[in-house]
Structures are given as structure tokens and as C-alpha cells.
Amino acid sequence: MPSKKINPLSPKKLLLSKWTAVHPVNKRKHFLVSKVILPELPEEAIEFVELEAVFDKVIQTISWRDLKNTEIWLQGWV
């Protein structure tokens, strides 16, 4: 079973970070973390971020842990 490479990430340092989709959809390849969604209770862990497509400004909400999967996301704009 092939191992998945994992990007070392901290949810607290994701804001305004740049990402490239490995498999672009509708010309959306480059993204920016526009918002880190904080949990309702401060003691709970951060779970989600909003990604904004650079091409057309479409926003999607994903689990920040999905960004660790290098089969889906690459850090930076490649």
C-alpha cells in the first residue's frame, strides 16, 4: 500500500497561505486560505478553512487536514 506524503502544517499558520490543486477543476488551480474558521468553543480544535480560488474568487470550505494530502494539494503556487 503506497504511503501518502504529508505536509507538516499547523492550523494557526494557514491564514493567507497559498495552495495548488493537483487536479484543477473549472480552471481553479491556485487557491489562498482566506479564512480560518474558529470553533464555537475556544478550547476546541480548528477544523475548517475557507479556500478562495485566485481565478474566479469562488470560496469553498474544507477540513484544514485535507491540505496535508499531497495527492490533492501542493503548498505554494506551482
C-alpha atoms as a PDB file:
ATOM      1  CA  MET A   1       0.000   0.000   0.000  1.00  0.00           C
ATOM      2  CA  PRO A   2       1.596   3.320  -1.030  1.00  0.00           C
ATOM      3  CA  SER A   3       2.100   5.816   1.753  1.00  0.00           C
ATOM      4  CA  LYS A   4       0.678   9.315   1.414  1.00  0.00           C
ATOM      5  CA  LYS A   5       3.137  12.136   1.807  1.00  0.00           C
ATOM      6  CA  ILE A   6       2.066  14.606   4.441  1.00  0.00           C
ATOM      7  CA  ASN A   7       2.829  18.331   4.575  1.00  0.00           C
ATOM      8  CA  PRO A   8       3.757  19.451   8.106  1.00  0.00           C
ATOM      9  CA  LEU A   9       1.084  22.050   8.900  1.00  0.00           C
ATOM     10  CA  SER A  10      -0.296  23.986  11.801  1.00  0.00           C
ATOM     11  CA  PRO A  11      -3.864  25.308  11.516  1.00  0.00           C
ATOM     12  CA  LYS A  12      -2.814  28.522  13.276  1.00  0.00           C
ATOM     13  CA  LYS A  13      -0.366  29.392  10.463  1.00  0.00           C
ATOM     14  CA  LEU A  14      -2.651  28.704   7.494  1.00  0.00           C
ATOM     15  CA  LEU A  15      -4.226  32.139   7.029  1.00  0.00           C
ATOM     16  CA  LEU A  16      -3.207  33.647   3.652  1.00  0.00           C
ATOM     17  CA  SER A  17      -1.138  30.588   2.727  1.00  0.00           C
ATOM     18  CA  LYS A  18      -1.066  29.615  -0.964  1.00  0.00           C
ATOM     19  CA  TRP A  19      -2.068  26.213  -2.375  1.00  0.00           C
ATOM     20  CA  THR A  20      -2.165  24.484  -5.756  1.00  0.00           C
ATOM     21  CA  ALA A  21      -4.739  21.830  -6.610  1.00  0.00           C
ATOM     22  CA  VAL A  22      -3.088  18.730  -8.092  1.00  0.00           C
ATOM     23  CA  HIS A  23      -6.200  18.130 -10.247  1.00  0.00           C
ATOM     24  CA  PRO A  24      -7.725  21.531 -11.164  1.00  0.00           C
ATOM     25  CA  VAL A  25     -11.484  21.804 -11.713  1.00  0.00           C
ATOM     26  CA  ASN A  26     -13.023  24.575 -13.890  1.00  0.00           C
ATOM     27  CA  LYS A  27      -9.633  26.276 -14.281  1.00  0.00           C
ATOM     28  CA  ARG A  28      -9.366  26.600 -10.498  1.00  0.00           C
ATOM     29  CA  LYS A  29      -5.801  25.624  -9.726  1.00  0.00           C
ATOM     30  CA  HIS A  30      -4.416  28.246  -7.369  1.00  0.00           C
ATOM     31  CA  PHE A  31      -6.004  28.955  -4.008  1.00  0.00           C
ATOM     32  CA  LEU A  32      -5.467  31.165  -0.985  1.00  0.00           C
ATOM     33  CA  VAL A  33      -6.611  30.373   2.541  1.00  0.00           C
ATOM     34  CA  SER A  34      -8.874  33.384   3.052  1.00  0.00           C
ATOM     35  CA  LYS A  35     -10.271  32.422   6.448  1.00  0.00           C
ATOM     36  CA  VAL A  36      -9.542  30.031   9.296  1.00  0.00           C
ATOM     37  CA  ILE A  37     -12.893  29.055  10.791  1.00  0.00           C
ATOM     38  CA  LEU A  38     -12.656  29.145  14.563  1.00  0.00           C
ATOM     39  CA  PRO A  39     -14.729  26.716  16.645  1.00  0.00           C
ATOM     40  CA  GLU A  40     -17.593  27.986  18.782  1.00  0.00           C
ATOM     41  CA  LEU A  41     -15.768  26.996  21.954  1.00  0.00           C
ATOM     42  CA  PRO A  42     -12.205  28.352  22.237  1.00  0.00           C
ATOM     43  CA  GLU A  43     -10.877  25.117  23.764  1.00  0.00           C
ATOM     44  CA  GLU A  44     -11.919  23.088  20.708  1.00  0.00           C
ATOM     45  CA  ALA A  45      -9.529  22.477  17.816  1.00  0.00           C
ATOM     46  CA  ILE A  46      -9.680  24.320  14.496  1.00  0.00           C
ATOM     47  CA  GLU A  47     -11.321  22.055  11.921  1.00  0.00           C
ATOM     48  CA  PHE A  48     -12.072  24.055   8.749  1.00  0.00           C
ATOM     49  CA  VAL A  49     -10.630  26.735   6.488  1.00  0.00           C
ATOM     50  CA  GLU A  50     -12.052  28.681   3.557  1.00  0.00           C
ATOM     51  CA  LEU A  51     -10.109  28.454   0.301  1.00  0.00           C
ATOM     52  CA  GLU A  52     -10.577  31.190  -2.282  1.00  0.00           C
ATOM     53  CA  ALA A  53      -9.805  30.404  -5.917  1.00  0.00           C
ATOM     54  CA  VAL A  54      -7.498  33.012  -7.424  1.00  0.00           C
ATOM     55  CA  PHE A  55      -9.020  32.566 -10.912  1.00  0.00           C
ATOM     56  CA  ASP A  56     -12.644  33.456 -10.115  1.00  0.00           C
ATOM     57  CA  LYS A  57     -12.829  34.146  -6.349  1.00  0.00           C
ATOM     58  CA  VAL A  58     -15.049  31.107  -5.659  1.00  0.00           C
ATOM     59  CA  ILE A  59     -14.848  30.127  -1.982  1.00  0.00           C
ATOM     60  CA  GLN A  60     -15.005  26.586  -0.663  1.00  0.00           C
ATOM     61  CA  THR A  61     -14.813  25.277   2.887  1.00  0.00           C
ATOM     62  CA  ILE A  62     -12.626  22.248   3.552  1.00  0.00           C
ATOM     63  CA  SER A  63     -11.061  20.483   6.512  1.00  0.00           C
ATOM     64  CA  TRP A  64      -7.618  22.001   7.025  1.00  0.00           C
ATOM     65  CA  ARG A  65      -6.240  18.458   7.380  1.00  0.00           C
ATOM     66  CA  ASP A  66      -7.090  17.803   3.704  1.00  0.00           C
ATOM     67  CA  LEU A  67      -4.276  20.201   2.813  1.00  0.00           C
ATOM     68  CA  LYS A  68      -1.797  17.666   4.208  1.00  0.00           C
ATOM     69  CA  ASN A  69      -2.595  15.207   1.409  1.00  0.00           C
ATOM     70  CA  THR A  70      -0.055  15.822  -1.370  1.00  0.00           C
ATOM     71  CA  GLU A  71      -2.154  13.784  -3.799  1.00  0.00           C
ATOM     72  CA  ILE A  72      -4.733  16.602  -3.655  1.00  0.00           C
ATOM     73  CA  TRP A  73      -2.857  19.767  -2.612  1.00  0.00           C
ATOM     74  CA  LEU A  74       0.633  21.198  -3.046  1.00  0.00           C
ATOM     75  CA  GLN A  75       1.813  24.009  -0.830  1.00  0.00           C
ATOM     76  CA  GLY A  76       2.569  27.228  -2.710  1.00  0.00           C
ATOM     77  CA  TRP A  77       1.636  28.142  -6.261  1.00  0.00           C
ATOM     78  CA  VAL A  78       3.235  25.627  -8.589  1.00  0.00           C
END
